[in-house]
Amino acid sequence: MRYFKLPDLGEGLIEAEIVEWHVKAGDQVATDQLMLAVETAKAIVEIPSPQMGIIEHTFGEIGDTVHIGEPLVEYQGENDSVSVVGNLSAQPLADKAPETVVDRFSVGVKVSSIAAIQVSPSVRGLAGRLGVDVGQVKGTGEGGRISSDDIEKAARMNQRHGNSEKLTGVRKSMAKVMVKSHQQVVPVTLFADVPLAREPNDMTVTVAKAIAFACAKEPALNVWFDGDKLSRRLLNFVDLGIAVDTEQGLFVPVLRQVQERSEDDLKAGLAALKDAVITRNIPPAELTGATIILSNYGSLNPYCRYGTPIVVPPMVAIVGIGAIYSIKDGEKILPISLTFDHRCVTGGEASRFIGYIAEQLN
């Protein structure tokens, strides 16, 4: 084959961002030799060559977003047939006119938005001369078309304040998830100050078990909700997403089957997940499929007690725990926040749920 295209990387993903090229034009490659690394929804994936040959051309620079079915590599001397490795679940993007750039993105497994940047070749040329990225400009013309005035205004802004920095990788993914949540969820947050019978060695794991207990007692919080069809799927297992803060951004690996596992087993599993996140070796599958999320923001700052964490569809709830503090008699208090999607969960269900968590901790 002459062209090798971005294959289906699984988990319903439709795009990837190039983070490193291992080959260049003129290189001889062997079958299964690694050619480039791409970043999908919070994971780095190495892509091998499907055949041996000489690289004629590589498509895309580091930081560029490539969609499934778009070319990555052209091989020298091959015929004009095109091919991809893997079973593509999405069709290649249609050819597009030079003046239109299409940006598709997905949150989870669904394409949530398609935005077209409309700009004429002459205005694009002006943008190039002035060092303006048209992808960072909001068009004020008819139908959102970018005008020369828009480009000049952006150039003046860059001159005064420096160029804006595009979000990439994990931060880009987080921004899209938050937009989806804002558009779809009707959030309400309850707060509770829970006396602790004892201060656990691992608060995250102890609260994880308490959440599993609460899910068994009040299953309305452990569901996947379809807001379009107004249907919910009650789940008989607890796959708990654990928010992990890193220098690259926020990751949410998933602890599976929390309701069946001991605290020691969960502690070991959580340590392994955090290590995989930090080293960027975590498989994409371990970042999807959570039924409810726990955010231990109190572990990051001793003054941080309460929050309004964000519910991520199709889940309907997220639990936040703040920093433990002491009251006058020395009793330890754990602040808990519970945000739930009021489209699907009632106030009574949420109140009982947070009560069951407290019951397990005091």
Protein backbone atom coordinates (compact mmCIF):
# COMPACT_ATOMS: atom_id res chain seq x y z
CA MET A 1 0.00 0.00 0.00
CA ARG A 2 1.11 3.57 -0.64
CA TYR A 3 -0.63 5.35 2.23
CA PHE A 4 -0.97 4.18 5.81
CA LYS A 5 -3.85 5.88 7.64
CA LEU A 6 -4.64 6.33 11.30
CA PRO A 7 -6.30 3.07 12.39
CA ASP A 8 -9.10 2.51 14.85
CA LEU A 9 -7.43 2.75 18.27
CA GLY A 10 -10.43 1.34 20.13
CA GLU A 11 -12.74 2.67 22.86
CA GLY A 12 -14.80 4.63 20.31
CA LEU A 13 -12.03 7.22 19.82
CA ILE A 14 -12.02 9.11 16.51
CA GLU A 15 -8.92 11.30 16.78
CA ALA A 16 -5.40 11.34 18.11
CA GLU A 17 -2.72 13.96 18.64
CA ILE A 18 0.79 13.38 17.31
CA VAL A 19 3.32 13.59 20.16
CA GLU A 20 6.48 12.11 18.61
CA TRP A 21 7.77 10.89 15.23
CA HIS A 22 10.29 8.02 15.24
CA VAL A 23 10.79 8.09 11.45
CA LYS A 24 11.25 10.68 8.71
CA ALA A 25 11.19 10.85 4.92
CA GLY A 26 13.86 8.61 3.43
CA ASP A 27 13.98 6.13 6.34
CA GLN A 28 13.82 2.40 5.64
CA VAL A 29 11.33 0.74 8.01
CA ALA A 30 10.63 -2.89 8.85
CA THR A 31 7.25 -4.47 9.52
CA ASP A 32 6.09 -3.66 13.08
CA GLN A 33 8.79 -1.01 13.53
CA LEU A 34 7.42 1.85 15.65
CA MET A 35 6.84 4.93 13.49
CA LEU A 36 5.16 7.45 15.77
CA ALA A 37 3.47 8.00 19.12
CA VAL A 38 0.02 9.54 19.38
CA GLU A 39 -2.06 10.63 22.35
CA THR A 40 -5.69 9.58 22.51
CA ALA A 41 -8.11 10.10 25.38
CA LYS A 42 -5.45 10.40 28.08
CA ALA A 43 -3.13 7.62 26.90
CA ILE A 44 -0.01 7.40 24.72
CA VAL A 45 -0.20 4.82 21.89
CA GLU A 46 2.77 3.72 19.79
CA ILE A 47 1.88 2.97 16.14
CA PRO A 48 3.95 0.43 14.18
CA SER A 49 4.49 0.15 10.44
CA PRO A 50 2.18 -2.43 8.82
CA GLN A 51 4.82 -3.26 6.19
CA MET A 52 8.45 -2.82 5.25
CA GLY A 53 9.44 -0.03 2.89
CA ILE A 54 10.94 3.42 2.50
CA ILE A 55 9.13 6.45 3.91
CA GLU A 56 8.30 8.93 1.13
CA HIS A 57 6.45 11.46 3.31
CA THR A 58 5.03 11.86 6.80
CA PHE A 59 1.77 13.71 7.39
CA GLY A 60 1.36 15.99 10.40
CA GLU A 61 3.64 17.69 12.86
CA ILE A 62 3.96 17.18 16.62
CA GLY A 63 0.84 18.64 18.23
CA ASP A 64 -1.35 18.11 15.15
CA THR A 65 -4.66 16.26 15.55
CA VAL A 66 -5.26 13.40 13.11
CA HIS A 67 -8.60 11.68 12.64
CA ILE A 68 -9.28 8.01 11.93
CA GLY A 69 -8.86 7.38 8.21
CA GLU A 70 -6.52 10.31 7.60
CA PRO A 71 -3.02 9.51 6.23
CA LEU A 72 0.01 9.27 8.48
CA VAL A 73 2.70 7.90 6.17
CA GLU A 74 3.30 7.58 2.41
CA TYR A 75 5.53 4.70 1.31
CA GLN A 76 7.93 5.09 -1.59
CA GLY A 77 7.33 3.17 -4.79
CA GLU A 78 4.00 1.60 -3.82
CA ASN A 79 0.86 1.69 -5.92
CA ASP A 80 -1.85 4.25 -5.30
CA SER A 81 -4.11 2.04 -3.19
CA VAL A 82 -4.75 3.24 0.33
CA SER A 83 -5.10 1.11 3.40
CA VAL A 84 -5.40 1.23 7.12
CA VAL A 85 -4.57 -1.24 9.85
CA GLY A 86 -7.44 -2.32 12.06
CA ASN A 87 -11.19 -2.35 11.73
CA LEU A 88 -12.29 1.24 11.33
CA SER A 89 -15.54 2.08 13.05
CA ALA A 90 -15.70 5.50 11.42
CA GLN A 91 -15.52 6.42 7.74
CA PRO A 92 -12.61 8.59 6.55
CA LEU A 93 -13.35 12.28 6.54
CA ALA A 94 -14.62 13.56 3.24
CA ASP A 95 -12.33 15.72 1.11
CA LYS A 96 -12.72 19.33 2.09
CA ALA A 97 -12.28 22.59 0.26
CA PRO A 98 -9.03 24.48 0.88
CA GLU A 99 -10.82 27.28 2.70
CA THR A 100 -12.49 25.03 5.29
CA VAL A 101 -10.85 23.26 8.22
CA VAL A 102 -13.02 20.71 10.02
CA ASP A 103 -12.42 19.99 13.69
CA ARG A 104 -14.19 16.90 15.03
CA PHE A 105 -13.90 15.86 18.64
CA SER A 106 -15.42 13.28 20.89
CA VAL A 107 -16.12 13.09 24.58
CA GLY A 108 -16.29 9.51 25.78
CA VAL A 109 -17.52 7.50 22.82
CA LYS A 110 -19.83 9.95 21.08
CA VAL A 111 -19.03 12.75 18.68
CA SER A 112 -20.39 15.75 20.52
CA SER A 113 -19.65 18.58 18.13
CA ILE A 114 -18.49 19.36 14.62
CA ALA A 115 -17.14 22.85 14.10
CA ALA A 116 -16.11 24.29 10.72
CA ILE A 117 -13.59 27.10 10.44
CA GLN A 118 -14.50 29.15 7.37
CA VAL A 119 -11.74 31.34 5.97
CA SER A 120 -10.88 32.44 2.44
CA PRO A 121 -7.43 31.68 0.96
CA SER A 122 -6.50 35.38 1.00
CA VAL A 123 -7.44 35.80 4.67
CA ARG A 124 -5.57 32.59 5.46
CA GLY A 125 -2.55 34.08 3.71
CA LEU A 126 -2.87 37.24 5.82
CA ALA A 127 -3.01 35.10 8.94
CA GLY A 128 0.19 33.36 7.88
CA ARG A 129 2.00 36.65 7.33
CA LEU A 130 0.89 37.97 10.72
CA GLY A 131 1.59 34.72 12.58
CA VAL A 132 -2.03 34.15 13.57
CA ASP A 133 -3.45 30.64 14.05
CA VAL A 134 -6.89 30.69 12.40
CA GLY A 135 -7.94 27.88 14.72
CA GLN A 136 -7.70 30.36 17.61
CA VAL A 137 -9.78 33.09 15.93
CA LYS A 138 -13.53 33.52 16.33
CA GLY A 139 -15.07 34.65 13.05
CA THR A 140 -17.46 37.59 13.12
CA GLY A 141 -18.52 37.39 9.50
CA GLU A 142 -21.62 35.76 8.05
CA GLY A 143 -21.95 32.16 9.16
CA GLY A 144 -18.91 32.53 11.39
CA ARG A 145 -16.54 33.29 8.53
CA ILE A 146 -13.20 34.78 9.60
CA SER A 147 -12.54 38.22 8.13
CA SER A 148 -9.34 40.19 7.65
CA ASP A 149 -10.45 42.43 10.55
CA ASP A 150 -10.67 39.35 12.79
CA ILE A 151 -7.11 38.37 11.84
CA GLU A 152 -5.74 41.89 12.40
CA LYS A 153 -7.46 42.10 15.78
CA ALA A 154 -5.95 38.76 16.79
CA ALA A 155 -2.52 39.92 15.61
CA ARG A 156 -2.77 43.07 17.75
CA MET A 157 -3.78 40.96 20.75
CA ASN A 158 -0.80 38.65 20.20
CA GLN A 159 1.53 41.63 19.91
CA ARG A 160 0.33 43.11 23.20
CA HIS A 161 -0.05 39.98 25.29
CA GLY A 162 1.78 37.19 23.47
CA ASN A 163 0.33 34.27 21.57
CA SER A 164 -2.36 32.17 23.21
CA GLU A 165 -1.44 28.61 24.12
CA LYS A 166 -3.57 25.85 22.64
CA LEU A 167 -4.71 23.22 25.07
CA THR A 168 -3.35 19.83 24.09
CA GLY A 169 -3.48 16.27 25.29
CA VAL A 170 -5.03 15.73 28.69
CA ARG A 171 -6.03 19.37 29.25
CA LYS A 172 -7.74 19.47 25.86
CA SER A 173 -9.66 16.30 26.67
CA MET A 174 -10.64 17.68 30.10
CA ALA A 175 -11.96 20.89 28.54
CA LYS A 176 -14.22 18.94 26.18
CA VAL A 177 -15.53 16.73 28.97
CA MET A 178 -16.35 19.78 31.09
CA VAL A 179 -18.20 21.43 28.18
CA LYS A 180 -20.28 18.29 27.72
CA SER A 181 -21.10 18.20 31.42
CA HIS A 182 -22.12 21.87 31.44
CA GLN A 183 -24.39 21.34 28.43
CA GLN A 184 -26.12 18.22 29.69
CA VAL A 185 -26.10 17.91 33.48
CA VAL A 186 -28.39 19.65 35.98
CA PRO A 187 -26.02 19.60 38.98
CA VAL A 188 -26.90 19.89 42.65
CA THR A 189 -24.34 19.50 45.46
CA LEU A 190 -24.91 18.34 49.03
CA PHE A 191 -22.34 18.75 51.80
CA ALA A 192 -21.76 16.78 54.99
CA ASP A 193 -19.29 16.98 57.89
CA VAL A 194 -18.69 13.39 58.94
CA PRO A 195 -17.13 12.50 62.33
CA LEU A 196 -14.52 9.78 61.92
CA ALA A 197 -14.43 6.86 64.30
CA ARG A 198 -10.74 6.60 63.38
CA GLU A 199 -8.47 8.22 60.83
CA PRO A 200 -7.79 5.59 58.14
CA ASN A 201 -4.32 4.80 56.83
CA ASP A 202 -5.62 5.32 53.28
CA MET A 203 -8.59 7.66 53.18
CA THR A 204 -9.22 7.20 49.45
CA VAL A 205 -9.55 3.43 49.78
CA THR A 206 -11.69 3.63 52.93
CA VAL A 207 -14.09 6.08 51.27
CA ALA A 208 -14.11 3.91 48.13
CA LYS A 209 -15.47 1.01 50.19
CA ALA A 210 -17.99 3.34 51.84
CA ILE A 211 -19.16 4.46 48.40
CA ALA A 212 -19.63 0.84 47.34
CA PHE A 213 -21.74 0.26 50.48
CA ALA A 214 -23.83 3.36 49.71
CA CYS A 215 -24.34 2.20 46.10
CA ALA A 216 -25.74 -1.10 47.38
CA LYS A 217 -28.10 0.68 49.77
CA GLU A 218 -29.12 3.47 47.38
CA PRO A 219 -28.50 2.20 43.80
CA ALA A 220 -29.99 5.29 42.11
CA LEU A 221 -26.57 6.98 42.33
CA ASN A 222 -24.73 4.12 40.59
CA VAL A 223 -26.28 4.31 37.13
CA TRP A 224 -25.57 5.34 33.56
CA PHE A 225 -28.14 7.87 32.36
CA ASP A 226 -29.09 8.63 28.75
CA GLY A 227 -30.37 12.19 28.73
CA ASP A 228 -31.58 11.99 25.12
CA LYS A 229 -33.74 8.92 25.68
CA LEU A 230 -34.44 9.75 29.33
CA SER A 231 -33.51 6.23 30.37
CA ARG A 232 -31.21 4.91 33.07
CA ARG A 233 -29.29 1.69 33.51
CA LEU A 234 -28.98 0.59 37.14
CA LEU A 235 -25.69 -1.21 37.68
CA ASN A 236 -24.98 -4.05 40.10
CA PHE A 237 -21.23 -3.40 40.23
CA VAL A 238 -19.18 -0.40 41.33
CA ASP A 239 -16.36 0.63 38.99
CA LEU A 240 -15.01 3.70 40.76
CA GLY A 241 -13.19 6.41 38.85
CA ILE A 242 -10.41 7.96 40.98
CA ALA A 243 -9.37 11.50 40.05
CA VAL A 244 -5.56 11.67 39.87
CA ASP A 245 -3.76 15.03 39.60
CA THR A 246 -0.57 15.07 37.49
CA GLU A 247 1.65 17.69 35.87
CA GLN A 248 0.05 16.85 32.53
CA GLY A 249 -3.49 17.31 33.85
CA LEU A 250 -6.33 15.31 35.36
CA PHE A 251 -6.60 11.56 34.83
CA VAL A 252 -9.43 9.34 36.07
CA PRO A 253 -8.34 5.67 36.14
CA VAL A 254 -10.97 3.16 37.18
CA LEU A 255 -10.88 0.77 40.14
CA ARG A 256 -12.98 -2.21 39.07
CA GLN A 257 -15.46 -4.19 41.17
CA VAL A 258 -14.88 -2.17 44.34
CA GLN A 259 -17.80 -3.86 46.09
CA GLU A 260 -16.07 -7.27 45.97
CA ARG A 261 -12.49 -6.33 46.89
CA SER A 262 -10.72 -5.93 50.22
CA GLU A 263 -9.15 -2.62 51.23
CA ASP A 264 -5.68 -4.14 50.90
CA ASP A 265 -6.45 -5.31 47.38
CA LEU A 266 -7.90 -1.91 46.46
CA LYS A 267 -4.87 -0.13 47.92
CA ALA A 268 -2.52 -2.21 45.77
CA GLY A 269 -4.71 -1.74 42.72
CA LEU A 270 -4.91 2.02 43.22
CA ALA A 271 -1.13 2.28 43.62
CA ALA A 272 -0.66 0.35 40.36
CA LEU A 273 -3.12 2.60 38.52
CA LYS A 274 -1.46 5.78 39.80
CA ASP A 275 1.96 4.48 38.77
CA ALA A 276 0.65 3.65 35.29
CA VAL A 277 -0.84 7.15 35.02
CA ILE A 278 2.36 8.90 36.09
CA THR A 279 4.51 6.86 33.69
CA ARG A 280 1.88 7.24 30.94
CA ASN A 281 1.66 3.48 30.48
CA ILE A 282 -2.00 3.12 31.40
CA PRO A 283 -4.15 1.41 28.74
CA PRO A 284 -7.05 3.54 27.43
CA ALA A 285 -9.49 0.86 28.63
CA GLU A 286 -8.49 1.59 32.23
CA LEU A 287 -9.67 5.19 31.86
CA THR A 288 -13.21 4.39 30.75
CA GLY A 289 -16.34 2.71 32.07
CA ALA A 290 -16.58 4.25 35.55
CA THR A 291 -19.99 4.11 37.23
CA ILE A 292 -19.27 6.85 39.81
CA ILE A 293 -16.23 9.03 40.61
CA LEU A 294 -14.30 9.93 43.77
CA SER A 295 -12.18 13.07 43.98
CA ASN A 296 -9.90 13.39 47.03
CA TYR A 297 -9.07 17.08 46.59
CA GLY A 298 -8.43 17.40 50.33
CA SER A 299 -5.23 15.39 49.92
CA LEU A 300 -3.81 18.17 47.72
CA ASN A 301 -4.36 21.08 50.13
CA PRO A 302 -4.94 20.98 53.91
CA TYR A 303 -7.15 24.09 53.66
CA CYS A 304 -9.44 22.65 50.97
CA ARG A 305 -12.58 21.26 52.59
CA TYR A 306 -15.54 21.62 50.23
CA GLY A 307 -16.10 21.57 46.50
CA THR A 308 -18.67 21.19 43.77
CA PRO A 309 -17.09 18.45 41.66
CA ILE A 310 -18.35 17.97 38.10
CA VAL A 311 -20.57 15.05 37.07
CA VAL A 312 -19.41 13.42 33.82
CA PRO A 313 -22.16 11.76 31.72
CA PRO A 314 -23.32 9.06 31.49
CA MET A 315 -22.61 8.89 35.25
CA VAL A 316 -24.95 10.75 37.59
CA ALA A 317 -22.79 11.34 40.68
CA ILE A 318 -19.34 12.26 41.94
CA VAL A 319 -18.13 12.25 45.55
CA GLY A 320 -15.55 14.74 46.78
CA ILE A 321 -13.67 14.55 50.08
CA GLY A 322 -11.89 17.50 51.62
CA ALA A 323 -9.08 17.82 54.12
CA ILE A 324 -9.73 16.30 57.55
CA TYR A 325 -9.93 18.84 60.37
CA SER A 326 -10.35 18.72 64.16
CA ILE A 327 -12.99 20.35 66.31
CA LYS A 328 -12.53 21.64 69.88
CA ASP A 329 -12.68 18.27 71.61
CA GLY A 330 -10.14 16.80 69.16
CA GLU A 331 -12.70 14.85 67.16
CA LYS A 332 -11.70 14.40 63.50
CA ILE A 333 -14.13 15.60 60.84
CA LEU A 334 -14.16 14.61 57.16
CA PRO A 335 -15.93 17.08 54.83
CA ILE A 336 -17.80 15.33 52.01
CA SER A 337 -19.34 16.83 48.90
CA LEU A 338 -21.77 14.93 46.65
CA THR A 339 -22.74 16.39 43.28
CA PHE A 340 -25.55 14.59 41.46
CA ASP A 341 -27.50 15.03 38.23
CA HIS A 342 -30.95 16.17 39.32
CA ARG A 343 -32.44 15.04 36.00
CA CYS A 344 -32.09 11.47 37.19
CA VAL A 345 -31.49 11.55 40.96
CA THR A 346 -33.82 12.95 43.60
CA GLY A 347 -32.71 14.98 46.58
CA GLY A 348 -33.90 12.24 48.89
CA GLU A 349 -31.84 9.59 47.12
CA ALA A 350 -28.74 11.79 47.24
CA SER A 351 -29.27 12.65 50.91
CA ARG A 352 -29.62 8.99 51.87
CA PHE A 353 -26.57 8.10 49.78
CA ILE A 354 -24.31 10.57 51.56
CA GLY A 355 -25.77 9.32 54.85
CA TYR A 356 -24.77 5.74 54.05
CA ILE A 357 -21.23 6.89 53.34
CA ALA A 358 -21.15 8.63 56.71
CA GLU A 359 -22.53 5.52 58.40
CA GLN A 360 -19.54 3.52 57.21
CA LEU A 361 -17.03 6.10 58.42
CA ASN A 362 -18.23 6.84 61.95
